Amino acid sequence: MTAPRFFPTRGHLLLCTGPTCTGLGARRLFAALWRRLEAEHLAYYKRGGSIRLTESGCLGACGFGPTLACYARRGDRLEEAWYARADEARALAVARAVHEDQPLPDDERYGP
């Protein structure tokens, strides 16, 4: 039996799709962001890509959504950032920063 293929990544974005964030457009945002990650070859399974995107259950920031959580590998440590009011431009800026190993955007960032 062959093992599944492993795709190395630099970062993981989790988009809240709990009831409130879904009502604020999270599912449309998820689809739009996937299309952009694929088109720009940032998606982890594309040649040169390094970003994973996952739908998440409620992230507990109801009323400030859609909420985006980001975990970026920085050398031997993991950087965590959370974003309120995520939209396509903000989420794509976060993905590009992770992919390019640049500082994460501060706009609407909260948490650690």
PDB file of N, CA and C in Angstrom:
ATOM      1  N   MET A   1       0.845  -1.176   0.000  1.00  0.00           N
ATOM      2  CA  MET A   1       0.000   0.000   0.000  1.00  0.00           C
ATOM      3  C   MET A   1       0.893   1.243   0.000  1.00  0.00           C
ATOM      4  N   THR A   2       0.546   2.218  -0.796  1.00  0.00           N
ATOM      5  CA  THR A   2       1.304   3.444  -0.902  1.00  0.00           C
ATOM      6  C   THR A   2       0.758   4.480   0.078  1.00  0.00           C
ATOM      7  N   ALA A   3       1.669   5.239   0.675  1.00  0.00           N
ATOM      8  CA  ALA A   3       1.256   6.300   1.594  1.00  0.00           C
ATOM      9  C   ALA A   3       0.677   7.474   0.806  1.00  0.00           C
ATOM     10  N   PRO A   4      -0.218   8.240   1.422  1.00  0.00           N
ATOM     11  CA  PRO A   4      -0.727   9.416   0.724  1.00  0.00           C
ATOM     12  C   PRO A   4       0.384  10.434   0.513  1.00  0.00           C
ATOM     13  N   ARG A   5       0.224  11.256  -0.484  1.00  0.00           N
ATOM     14  CA  ARG A   5       1.230  12.266  -0.782  1.00  0.00           C
ATOM     15  C   ARG A   5       1.183  13.362   0.275  1.00  0.00           C
ATOM     16  N   PHE A   6       2.355  13.802   0.722  1.00  0.00           N
ATOM     17  CA  PHE A   6       2.467  14.879   1.692  1.00  0.00           C
ATOM     18  C   PHE A   6       2.820  16.168   0.957  1.00  0.00           C
ATOM     19  N   PHE A   7       2.099  17.237   1.233  1.00  0.00           N
ATOM     20  CA  PHE A   7       2.361  18.531   0.630  1.00  0.00           C
ATOM     21  C   PHE A   7       2.888  19.466   1.715  1.00  0.00           C
ATOM     22  N   PRO A   8       4.163  19.849   1.670  1.00  0.00           N
ATOM     23  CA  PRO A   8       4.674  20.783   2.680  1.00  0.00           C
ATOM     24  C   PRO A   8       4.015  22.151   2.534  1.00  0.00           C
ATOM     25  N   THR A   9       3.807  22.818   3.640  1.00  0.00           N
ATOM     26  CA  THR A   9       3.154  24.124   3.624  1.00  0.00           C
ATOM     27  C   THR A   9       3.914  25.113   4.502  1.00  0.00           C
ATOM     28  N   ARG A  10       3.655  26.394   4.251  1.00  0.00           N
ATOM     29  CA  ARG A  10       4.197  27.459   5.100  1.00  0.00           C
ATOM     30  C   ARG A  10       3.136  27.977   6.047  1.00  0.00           C
ATOM     31  N   GLY A  11       1.876  27.797   5.655  1.00  0.00           N
ATOM     32  CA  GLY A  11       0.823  28.345   6.488  1.00  0.00           C
ATOM     33  C   GLY A  11      -0.516  27.703   6.259  1.00  0.00           C
ATOM     34  N   HIS A  12      -1.381  27.918   7.238  1.00  0.00           N
ATOM     35  CA  HIS A  12      -2.720  27.354   7.216  1.00  0.00           C
ATOM     36  C   HIS A  12      -3.691  28.460   7.588  1.00  0.00           C
ATOM     37  N   LEU A  13      -4.660  28.693   6.734  1.00  0.00           N
ATOM     38  CA  LEU A  13      -5.714  29.660   6.998  1.00  0.00           C
ATOM     39  C   LEU A  13      -6.992  28.903   7.318  1.00  0.00           C
ATOM     40  N   LEU A  14      -7.641  29.292   8.391  1.00  0.00           N
ATOM     41  CA  LEU A  14      -8.916  28.685   8.778  1.00  0.00           C
ATOM     42  C   LEU A  14      -9.971  29.778   8.756  1.00  0.00           C
ATOM     43  N   LEU A  15     -11.000  29.585   7.962  1.00  0.00           N
ATOM     44  CA  LEU A  15     -12.067  30.565   7.847  1.00  0.00           C
ATOM     45  C   LEU A  15     -13.294  30.043   8.572  1.00  0.00           C
ATOM     46  N   CYS A  16     -13.773  30.839   9.521  1.00  0.00           N
ATOM     47  CA  CYS A  16     -14.949  30.453  10.292  1.00  0.00           C
ATOM     48  C   CYS A  16     -16.159  30.349   9.382  1.00  0.00           C
ATOM     49  N   THR A  17     -16.857  29.226   9.469  1.00  0.00           N
ATOM     50  CA  THR A  17     -18.114  29.057   8.748  1.00  0.00           C
ATOM     51  C   THR A  17     -19.230  28.698   9.729  1.00  0.00           C
ATOM     52  N   GLY A  18     -19.086  29.229  10.956  1.00  0.00           N
ATOM     53  CA  GLY A  18     -20.172  29.096  11.925  1.00  0.00           C
ATOM     54  C   GLY A  18     -21.372  29.888  11.435  1.00  0.00           C
ATOM     55  N   PRO A  19     -22.496  29.779  12.123  1.00  0.00           N
ATOM     56  CA  PRO A  19     -23.736  30.402  11.646  1.00  0.00           C
ATOM     57  C   PRO A  19     -23.637  31.910  11.417  1.00  0.00           C
ATOM     58  N   THR A  20     -23.045  32.645  12.329  1.00  0.00           N
ATOM     59  CA  THR A  20     -22.977  34.095  12.173  1.00  0.00           C
ATOM     60  C   THR A  20     -22.059  34.480  11.026  1.00  0.00           C
ATOM     61  N   CYS A  21     -20.867  33.873  10.950  1.00  0.00           N
ATOM     62  CA  CYS A  21     -19.929  34.191   9.870  1.00  0.00           C
ATOM     63  C   CYS A  21     -20.493  33.773   8.513  1.00  0.00           C
ATOM     64  N   THR A  22     -21.210  32.661   8.481  1.00  0.00           N
ATOM     65  CA  THR A  22     -21.848  32.246   7.228  1.00  0.00           C
ATOM     66  C   THR A  22     -22.862  33.296   6.800  1.00  0.00           C
ATOM     67  N   GLY A  23     -23.617  33.819   7.754  1.00  0.00           N
ATOM     68  CA  GLY A  23     -24.570  34.881   7.454  1.00  0.00           C
ATOM     69  C   GLY A  23     -23.897  36.153   6.969  1.00  0.00           C
ATOM     70  N   LEU A  24     -22.622  36.321   7.315  1.00  0.00           N
ATOM     71  CA  LEU A  24     -21.861  37.491   6.891  1.00  0.00           C
ATOM     72  C   LEU A  24     -21.030  37.225   5.629  1.00  0.00           C
ATOM     73  N   GLY A  25     -21.289  36.086   4.972  1.00  0.00           N
ATOM     74  CA  GLY A  25     -20.657  35.818   3.680  1.00  0.00           C
ATOM     75  C   GLY A  25     -19.448  34.912   3.692  1.00  0.00           C
ATOM     76  N   ALA A  26     -19.223  34.172   4.774  1.00  0.00           N
ATOM     77  CA  ALA A  26     -18.017  33.343   4.887  1.00  0.00           C
ATOM     78  C   ALA A  26     -17.925  32.266   3.804  1.00  0.00           C
ATOM     79  N   ARG A  27     -19.004  31.642   3.447  1.00  0.00           N
ATOM     80  CA  ARG A  27     -18.933  30.576   2.430  1.00  0.00           C
ATOM     81  C   ARG A  27     -18.597  31.145   1.053  1.00  0.00           C
ATOM     82  N   ARG A  28     -19.145  32.301   0.723  1.00  0.00           N
ATOM     83  CA  ARG A  28     -18.777  32.957  -0.542  1.00  0.00           C
ATOM     84  C   ARG A  28     -17.312  33.373  -0.513  1.00  0.00           C
ATOM     85  N   LEU A  29     -16.864  33.877   0.638  1.00  0.00           N
ATOM     86  CA  LEU A  29     -15.463  34.262   0.787  1.00  0.00           C
ATOM     87  C   LEU A  29     -14.556  33.052   0.634  1.00  0.00           C
ATOM     88  N   PHE A  30     -14.917  31.936   1.225  1.00  0.00           N
ATOM     89  CA  PHE A  30     -14.115  30.724   1.123  1.00  0.00           C
ATOM     90  C   PHE A  30     -13.942  30.316  -0.340  1.00  0.00           C
ATOM     91  N   ALA A  31     -15.034  30.302  -1.089  1.00  0.00           N
ATOM     92  CA  ALA A  31     -14.978  29.911  -2.508  1.00  0.00           C
ATOM     93  C   ALA A  31     -14.129  30.894  -3.308  1.00  0.00           C
ATOM     94  N   ALA A  32     -14.324  32.194  -3.072  1.00  0.00           N
ATOM     95  CA  ALA A  32     -13.555  33.208  -3.803  1.00  0.00           C
ATOM     96  C   ALA A  32     -12.069  33.117  -3.467  1.00  0.00           C
ATOM     97  N   LEU A  33     -11.763  32.911  -2.202  1.00  0.00           N
ATOM     98  CA  LEU A  33     -10.360  32.823  -1.793  1.00  0.00           C
ATOM     99  C   LEU A  33      -9.693  31.590  -2.388  1.00  0.00           C
ATOM    100  N   TRP A  34     -10.407  30.454  -2.424  1.00  0.00           N
ATOM    101  CA  TRP A  34      -9.842  29.253  -3.050  1.00  0.00           C
ATOM    102  C   TRP A  34      -9.508  29.498  -4.511  1.00  0.00           C
ATOM    103  N   ARG A  35     -10.437  30.159  -5.203  1.00  0.00           N
ATOM    104  CA  ARG A  35     -10.170  30.462  -6.616  1.00  0.00           C
ATOM    105  C   ARG A  35      -8.914  31.315  -6.772  1.00  0.00           C
ATOM    106  N   ARG A  36      -8.733  32.299  -5.908  1.00  0.00           N
ATOM    107  CA  ARG A  36      -7.557  33.173  -5.995  1.00  0.00           C
ATOM    108  C   ARG A  36      -6.275  32.415  -5.625  1.00  0.00           C
ATOM    109  N   LEU A  37      -6.337  31.593  -4.587  1.00  0.00           N
ATOM    110  CA  LEU A  37      -5.154  30.809  -4.208  1.00  0.00           C
ATOM    111  C   LEU A  37      -4.741  29.889  -5.347  1.00  0.00           C
ATOM    112  N   GLU A  38      -5.705  29.267  -5.990  1.00  0.00           N
ATOM    113  CA  GLU A  38      -5.399  28.395  -7.118  1.00  0.00           C
ATOM    114  C   GLU A  38      -4.855  29.188  -8.301  1.00  0.00           C
ATOM    115  N   ALA A  39      -5.483  30.302  -8.633  1.00  0.00           N
ATOM    116  CA  ALA A  39      -5.073  31.103  -9.786  1.00  0.00           C
ATOM    117  C   ALA A  39      -3.655  31.655  -9.618  1.00  0.00           C
ATOM    118  N   GLU A  40      -3.290  32.001  -8.382  1.00  0.00           N
ATOM    119  CA  GLU A  40      -1.967  32.566  -8.122  1.00  0.00           C
ATOM    120  C   GLU A  40      -0.947  31.494  -7.723  1.00  0.00           C
ATOM    121  N   HIS A  41      -1.335  30.245  -7.814  1.00  0.00           N
ATOM    122  CA  HIS A  41      -0.474  29.112  -7.459  1.00  0.00           C
ATOM    123  C   HIS A  41       0.041  29.223  -6.030  1.00  0.00           C
ATOM    124  N   LEU A  42      -0.830  29.659  -5.122  1.00  0.00           N
ATOM    125  CA  LEU A  42      -0.506  29.716  -3.699  1.00  0.00           C
ATOM    126  C   LEU A  42      -1.045  28.500  -2.961  1.00  0.00           C
ATOM    127  N   ALA A  43      -2.039  27.815  -3.543  1.00  0.00           N
ATOM    128  CA  ALA A  43      -2.634  26.638  -2.909  1.00  0.00           C
ATOM    129  C   ALA A  43      -1.578  25.549  -2.756  1.00  0.00           C
ATOM    130  N   TYR A  44      -1.584  24.884  -1.640  1.00  0.00           N
ATOM    131  CA  TYR A  44      -0.530  23.949  -1.264  1.00  0.00           C
ATOM    132  C   TYR A  44      -0.272  22.853  -2.286  1.00  0.00           C
ATOM    133  N   TYR A  45      -1.261  22.448  -3.047  1.00  0.00           N
ATOM    134  CA  TYR A  45      -1.073  21.343  -3.986  1.00  0.00           C
ATOM    135  C   TYR A  45      -0.642  21.816  -5.374  1.00  0.00           C
ATOM    136  N   LYS A  46      -0.514  23.115  -5.575  1.00  0.00           N
ATOM    137  CA  LYS A  46      -0.035  23.652  -6.846  1.00  0.00           C
ATOM    138  C   LYS A  46       1.489  23.744  -6.800  1.00  0.00           C
ATOM    139  N   ARG A  47       2.141  23.617  -7.951  1.00  0.00           N
ATOM    140  CA  ARG A  47       3.590  23.755  -8.005  1.00  0.00           C
ATOM    141  C   ARG A  47       3.980  25.120  -7.448  1.00  0.00           C
ATOM    142  N   GLY A  48       4.808  25.120  -6.405  1.00  0.00           N
ATOM    143  CA  GLY A  48       5.251  26.357  -5.775  1.00  0.00           C
ATOM    144  C   GLY A  48       4.312  26.885  -4.702  1.00  0.00           C
ATOM    145  N   GLY A  49       3.139  26.278  -4.548  1.00  0.00           N
ATOM    146  CA  GLY A  49       2.167  26.741  -3.551  1.00  0.00           C
ATOM    147  C   GLY A  49       2.534  26.309  -2.147  1.00  0.00           C
ATOM    148  N   SER A  50       2.006  27.008  -1.159  1.00  0.00           N
ATOM    149  CA  SER A  50       2.374  26.688   0.219  1.00  0.00           C
ATOM    150  C   SER A  50       1.274  26.975   1.233  1.00  0.00           C
ATOM    151  N   ILE A  51       0.059  27.305   0.780  1.00  0.00           N
ATOM    152  CA  ILE A  51      -1.000  27.721   1.697  1.00  0.00           C
ATOM    153  C   ILE A  51      -2.129  26.705   1.720  1.00  0.00           C
ATOM    154  N   ARG A  52      -2.542  26.313   2.915  1.00  0.00           N
ATOM    155  CA  ARG A  52      -3.733  25.481   3.102  1.00  0.00           C
ATOM    156  C   ARG A  52      -4.873  26.392   3.528  1.00  0.00           C
ATOM    157  N   LEU A  53      -6.067  26.088   3.064  1.00  0.00           N
ATOM    158  CA  LEU A  53      -7.263  26.821   3.446  1.00  0.00           C
ATOM    159  C   LEU A  53      -8.303  25.809   3.883  1.00  0.00           C
ATOM    160  N   THR A  54      -8.862  26.027   5.063  1.00  0.00           N
ATOM    161  CA  THR A  54      -9.827  25.086   5.621  1.00  0.00           C
ATOM    162  C   THR A  54     -11.017  25.841   6.187  1.00  0.00           C
ATOM    163  N   GLU A  55     -12.211  25.308   5.977  1.00  0.00           N
ATOM    164  CA  GLU A  55     -13.393  25.834   6.657  1.00  0.00           C
ATOM    165  C   GLU A  55     -13.311  25.395   8.110  1.00  0.00           C
ATOM    166  N   SER A  56     -13.665  26.286   9.007  1.00  0.00           N
ATOM    167  CA  SER A  56     -13.638  25.988  10.428  1.00  0.00           C
ATOM    168  C   SER A  56     -15.034  26.138  11.004  1.00  0.00           C
ATOM    169  N   GLY A  57     -15.252  25.469  12.104  1.00  0.00           N
ATOM    170  CA  GLY A  57     -16.462  25.741  12.867  1.00  0.00           C
ATOM    171  C   GLY A  57     -16.303  27.093  13.545  1.00  0.00           C
ATOM    172  N   CYS A  58     -17.215  27.434  14.412  1.00  0.00           N
ATOM    173  CA  CYS A  58     -17.219  28.733  15.070  1.00  0.00           C
ATOM    174  C   CYS A  58     -15.893  29.003  15.776  1.00  0.00           C
ATOM    175  N   LEU A  59     -15.325  30.182  15.500  1.00  0.00           N
ATOM    176  CA  LEU A  59     -14.073  30.601  16.136  1.00  0.00           C
ATOM    177  C   LEU A  59     -14.321  31.565  17.293  1.00  0.00           C
ATOM    178  N   GLY A  60     -15.589  31.794  17.628  1.00  0.00           N
ATOM    179  CA  GLY A  60     -15.928  32.538  18.832  1.00  0.00           C
ATOM    180  C   GLY A  60     -15.895  34.049  18.717  1.00  0.00           C
ATOM    181  N   ALA A  61     -15.780  34.599  17.521  1.00  0.00           N
ATOM    182  CA  ALA A  61     -15.776  36.059  17.357  1.00  0.00           C
ATOM    183  C   ALA A  61     -17.057  36.496  16.657  1.00  0.00           C
ATOM    184  N   CYS A  62     -18.156  35.901  17.037  1.00  0.00           N
ATOM    185  CA  CYS A  62     -19.445  36.189  16.419  1.00  0.00           C
ATOM    186  C   CYS A  62     -19.704  37.696  16.438  1.00  0.00           C
ATOM    187  N   GLY A  63     -20.201  38.205  15.348  1.00  0.00           N
ATOM    188  CA  GLY A  63     -20.472  39.621  15.235  1.00  0.00           C
ATOM    189  C   GLY A  63     -19.307  40.400  14.641  1.00  0.00           C
ATOM    190  N   PHE A  64     -18.135  39.789  14.569  1.00  0.00           N
ATOM    191  CA  PHE A  64     -16.955  40.437  13.992  1.00  0.00           C
ATOM    192  C   PHE A  64     -16.480  39.695  12.750  1.00  0.00           C
ATOM    193  N   GLY A  65     -17.304  38.809  12.244  1.00  0.00           N
ATOM    194  CA  GLY A  65     -16.890  37.933  11.161  1.00  0.00           C
ATOM    195  C   GLY A  65     -17.085  38.527   9.789  1.00  0.00           C
ATOM    196  N   PRO A  66     -16.725  37.758   8.813  1.00  0.00           N
ATOM    197  CA  PRO A  66     -16.092  36.455   8.934  1.00  0.00           C
ATOM    198  C   PRO A  66     -14.718  36.539   9.612  1.00  0.00           C
ATOM    199  N   THR A  67     -14.439  35.548  10.418  1.00  0.00           N
ATOM    200  CA  THR A  67     -13.183  35.486  11.153  1.00  0.00           C
ATOM    201  C   THR A  67     -12.217  34.560  10.434  1.00  0.00           C
ATOM    202  N   LEU A  68     -10.963  35.002  10.344  1.00  0.00           N
ATOM    203  CA  LEU A  68      -9.903  34.232   9.696  1.00  0.00           C
ATOM    204  C   LEU A  68      -8.787  34.003  10.699  1.00  0.00           C
ATOM    205  N   ALA A  69      -8.420  32.753  10.919  1.00  0.00           N
ATOM    206  CA  ALA A  69      -7.275  32.421  11.760  1.00  0.00           C
ATOM    207  C   ALA A  69      -6.135  31.988  10.850  1.00  0.00           C
ATOM    208  N   CYS A  70      -4.933  32.421  11.186  1.00  0.00           N
ATOM    209  CA  CYS A  70      -3.757  32.115  10.369  1.00  0.00           C
ATOM    210  C   CYS A  70      -2.672  31.531  11.250  1.00  0.00           C
ATOM    211  N   TYR A  71      -2.095  30.435  10.806  1.00  0.00           N
ATOM    212  CA  TYR A  71      -0.944  29.828  11.466  1.00  0.00           C
ATOM    213  C   TYR A  71       0.166  29.741  10.430  1.00  0.00           C
ATOM    214  N   ALA A  72       1.250  30.454  10.668  1.00  0.00           N
ATOM    215  CA  ALA A  72       2.351  30.530   9.711  1.00  0.00           C
ATOM    216  C   ALA A  72       3.619  29.954  10.320  1.00  0.00           C
ATOM    217  N   ARG A  73       4.292  29.115   9.559  1.00  0.00           N
ATOM    218  CA  ARG A  73       5.556  28.538  10.009  1.00  0.00           C
ATOM    219  C   ARG A  73       6.654  29.566   9.767  1.00  0.00           C
ATOM    220  N   ARG A  74       7.343  29.953  10.826  1.00  0.00           N
ATOM    221  CA  ARG A  74       8.438  30.916  10.766  1.00  0.00           C
ATOM    222  C   ARG A  74       9.679  30.256  11.349  1.00  0.00           C
ATOM    223  N   GLY A  75      10.457  29.625  10.476  1.00  0.00           N
ATOM    224  CA  GLY A  75      11.623  28.881  10.960  1.00  0.00           C
ATOM    225  C   GLY A  75      11.177  27.736  11.836  1.00  0.00           C
ATOM    226  N   ASP A  76      11.599  27.730  13.093  1.00  0.00           N
ATOM    227  CA  ASP A  76      11.243  26.646  14.009  1.00  0.00           C
ATOM    228  C   ASP A  76      10.084  27.013  14.933  1.00  0.00           C
ATOM    229  N   ARG A  77       9.396  28.106  14.642  1.00  0.00           N
ATOM    230  CA  ARG A  77       8.250  28.496  15.477  1.00  0.00           C
ATOM    231  C   ARG A  77       7.006  28.691  14.612  1.00  0.00           C
ATOM    232  N   LEU A  78       5.869  28.755  15.282  1.00  0.00           N
ATOM    233  CA  LEU A  78       4.597  28.928  14.612  1.00  0.00           C
ATOM    234  C   LEU A  78       4.019  30.282  15.018  1.00  0.00           C
ATOM    235  N   GLU A  79       3.744  31.144  14.053  1.00  0.00           N
ATOM    236  CA  GLU A  79       3.133  32.441  14.326  1.00  0.00           C
ATOM    237  C   GLU A  79       1.626  32.297  14.144  1.00  0.00           C
ATOM    238  N   GLU A  80       0.880  32.897  15.056  1.00  0.00           N
ATOM    239  CA  GLU A  80      -0.573  32.828  15.028  1.00  0.00           C
ATOM    240  C   GLU A  80      -1.134  34.240  14.879  1.00  0.00           C
ATOM    241  N   ALA A  81      -2.117  34.417  14.036  1.00  0.00           N
ATOM    242  CA  ALA A  81      -2.794  35.708  13.880  1.00  0.00           C
ATOM    243  C   ALA A  81      -4.262  35.453  13.580  1.00  0.00           C
ATOM    244  N   TRP A  82      -5.101  36.287  14.130  1.00  0.00           N
ATOM    245  CA  TRP A  82      -6.532  36.187  13.895  1.00  0.00           C
ATOM    246  C   TRP A  82      -7.009  37.511  13.325  1.00  0.00           C
ATOM    247  N   TYR A  83      -7.969  37.442  12.401  1.00  0.00           N
ATOM    248  CA  TYR A  83      -8.468  38.633  11.720  1.00  0.00           C
ATOM    249  C   TYR A  83      -9.984  38.703  11.792  1.00  0.00           C
ATOM    250  N   ALA A  84     -10.484  39.883  12.145  1.00  0.00           N
ATOM    251  CA  ALA A  84     -11.918  40.145  12.147  1.00  0.00           C
ATOM    252  C   ALA A  84     -12.301  40.724  10.793  1.00  0.00           C
ATOM    253  N   ARG A  85     -13.576  40.607  10.459  1.00  0.00           N
ATOM    254  CA  ARG A  85     -14.124  41.203   9.242  1.00  0.00           C
ATOM    255  C   ARG A  85     -13.308  40.846   7.992  1.00  0.00           C
ATOM    256  N   ALA A  86     -12.955  39.598   7.883  1.00  0.00           N
ATOM    257  CA  ALA A  86     -12.147  39.159   6.737  1.00  0.00           C
ATOM    258  C   ALA A  86     -12.937  39.338   5.443  1.00  0.00           C
ATOM    259  N   ASP A  87     -12.250  39.852   4.456  1.00  0.00           N
ATOM    260  CA  ASP A  87     -12.809  39.921   3.113  1.00  0.00           C
ATOM    261  C   ASP A  87     -11.754  39.340   2.167  1.00  0.00           C
ATOM    262  N   GLU A  88     -12.070  39.280   0.889  1.00  0.00           N
ATOM    263  CA  GLU A  88     -11.156  38.634  -0.052  1.00  0.00           C
ATOM    264  C   GLU A  88      -9.797  39.328  -0.091  1.00  0.00           C
ATOM    265  N   ALA A  89      -9.783  40.639  -0.118  1.00  0.00           N
ATOM    266  CA  ALA A  89      -8.513  41.371  -0.191  1.00  0.00           C
ATOM    267  C   ALA A  89      -7.658  41.124   1.043  1.00  0.00           C
ATOM    268  N   ARG A  90      -8.269  41.184   2.227  1.00  0.00           N
ATOM    269  CA  ARG A  90      -7.523  40.980   3.471  1.00  0.00           C
ATOM    270  C   ARG A  90      -7.003  39.542   3.555  1.00  0.00           C
ATOM    271  N   ALA A  91      -7.859  38.578   3.263  1.00  0.00           N
ATOM    272  CA  ALA A  91      -7.453  37.173   3.336  1.00  0.00           C
ATOM    273  C   ALA A  91      -6.350  36.862   2.331  1.00  0.00           C
ATOM    274  N   LEU A  92      -6.444  37.422   1.134  1.00  0.00           N
ATOM    275  CA  LEU A  92      -5.419  37.200   0.125  1.00  0.00           C
ATOM    276  C   LEU A  92      -4.106  37.861   0.540  1.00  0.00           C
ATOM    277  N   ALA A  93      -4.166  39.035   1.162  1.00  0.00           N
ATOM    278  CA  ALA A  93      -2.950  39.690   1.660  1.00  0.00           C
ATOM    279  C   ALA A  93      -2.266  38.844   2.726  1.00  0.00           C
ATOM    280  N   VAL A  94      -3.061  38.226   3.597  1.00  0.00           N
ATOM    281  CA  VAL A  94      -2.502  37.338   4.624  1.00  0.00           C
ATOM    282  C   VAL A  94      -1.838  36.137   3.955  1.00  0.00           C
ATOM    283  N   ALA A  95      -2.522  35.523   3.004  1.00  0.00           N
ATOM    284  CA  ALA A  95      -1.979  34.342   2.309  1.00  0.00           C
ATOM    285  C   ALA A  95      -0.677  34.688   1.592  1.00  0.00           C
ATOM    286  N   ARG A  96      -0.652  35.819   0.905  1.00  0.00           N
ATOM    287  CA  ARG A  96       0.573  36.221   0.197  1.00  0.00           C
ATOM    288  C   ARG A  96       1.721  36.468   1.167  1.00  0.00           C
ATOM    289  N   ALA A  97       1.427  37.116   2.301  1.00  0.00           N
ATOM    290  CA  ALA A  97       2.477  37.382   3.294  1.00  0.00           C
ATOM    291  C   ALA A  97       3.058  36.077   3.836  1.00  0.00           C
ATOM    292  N   VAL A  98       2.190  35.118   4.121  1.00  0.00           N
ATOM    293  CA  VAL A  98       2.669  33.823   4.619  1.00  0.00           C
ATOM    294  C   VAL A  98       3.521  33.149   3.553  1.00  0.00           C
ATOM    295  N   HIS A  99       3.008  33.113   2.337  1.00  0.00           N
ATOM    296  CA  HIS A  99       3.718  32.448   1.245  1.00  0.00           C
ATOM    297  C   HIS A  99       5.094  33.068   0.999  1.00  0.00           C
ATOM    298  N   GLU A 100       5.172  34.386   1.086  1.00  0.00           N
ATOM    299  CA  GLU A 100       6.420  35.100   0.807  1.00  0.00           C
ATOM    300  C   GLU A 100       7.289  35.289   2.050  1.00  0.00           C
ATOM    301  N   ASP A 101       6.857  34.705   3.192  1.00  0.00           N
ATOM    302  CA  ASP A 101       7.573  34.814   4.463  1.00  0.00           C
ATOM    303  C   ASP A 101       7.787  36.275   4.860  1.00  0.00           C
ATOM    304  N   GLN A 102       6.732  37.066   4.697  1.00  0.00           N
ATOM    305  CA  GLN A 102       6.735  38.477   5.050  1.00  0.00           C
ATOM    306  C   GLN A 102       5.918  38.683   6.322  1.00  0.00           C
ATOM    307  N   PRO A 103       6.066  39.849   6.967  1.00  0.00           N
ATOM    308  CA  PRO A 103       5.241  40.125   8.149  1.00  0.00           C
ATOM    309  C   PRO A 103       3.749  40.076   7.802  1.00  0.00           C
ATOM    310  N   LEU A 104       2.973  39.580   8.724  1.00  0.00           N
ATOM    311  CA  LEU A 104       1.530  39.485   8.508  1.00  0.00           C
ATOM    312  C   LEU A 104       0.902  40.858   8.631  1.00  0.00           C
ATOM    313  N   PRO A 105      -0.128  41.142   7.835  1.00  0.00           N
ATOM    314  CA  PRO A 105      -0.796  42.451   7.890  1.00  0.00           C
ATOM    315  C   PRO A 105      -1.394  42.718   9.272  1.00  0.00           C
ATOM    316  N   ASP A 106      -1.445  43.981   9.649  1.00  0.00           N
ATOM    317  CA  ASP A 106      -2.017  44.384  10.931  1.00  0.00           C
ATOM    318  C   ASP A 106      -3.483  44.766  10.839  1.00  0.00           C
ATOM    319  N   ASP A 107      -3.971  45.067   9.624  1.00  0.00           N
ATOM    320  CA  ASP A 107      -5.341  45.524   9.431  1.00  0.00           C
ATOM    321  C   ASP A 107      -6.350  44.498   9.945  1.00  0.00           C
ATOM    322  N   GLU A 108      -7.158  44.883  10.928  1.00  0.00           N
ATOM    323  CA  GLU A 108      -8.192  44.049  11.553  1.00  0.00           C
ATOM    324  C   GLU A 108      -7.615  42.820  12.265  1.00  0.00           C
ATOM    325  N   ARG A 109      -6.328  42.829  12.553  1.00  0.00           N
ATOM    326  CA  ARG A 109      -5.719  41.710  13.286  1.00  0.00           C
ATOM    327  C   ARG A 109      -6.016  41.862  14.769  1.00  0.00           C
ATOM    328  N   TYR A 110      -6.290  40.754  15.407  1.00  0.00           N
ATOM    329  CA  TYR A 110      -6.475  40.745  16.859  1.00  0.00           C
ATOM    330  C   TYR A 110      -5.880  39.445  17.387  1.00  0.00           C
ATOM    331  N   GLY A 111      -5.827  39.315  18.690  1.00  0.00           N
ATOM    332  CA  GLY A 111      -5.251  38.091  19.266  1.00  0.00           C
ATOM    333  C   GLY A 111      -3.737  38.164  19.317  1.00  0.00           C
ATOM    334  N   PRO A 112      -3.102  37.021  19.380  1.00  0.00           N
ATOM    335  CA  PRO A 112      -1.649  37.023  19.605  1.00  0.00           C
ATOM    336  C   PRO A 112      -0.859  37.673  18.482  1.00  0.00           C
TER     337      PRO A 112
END
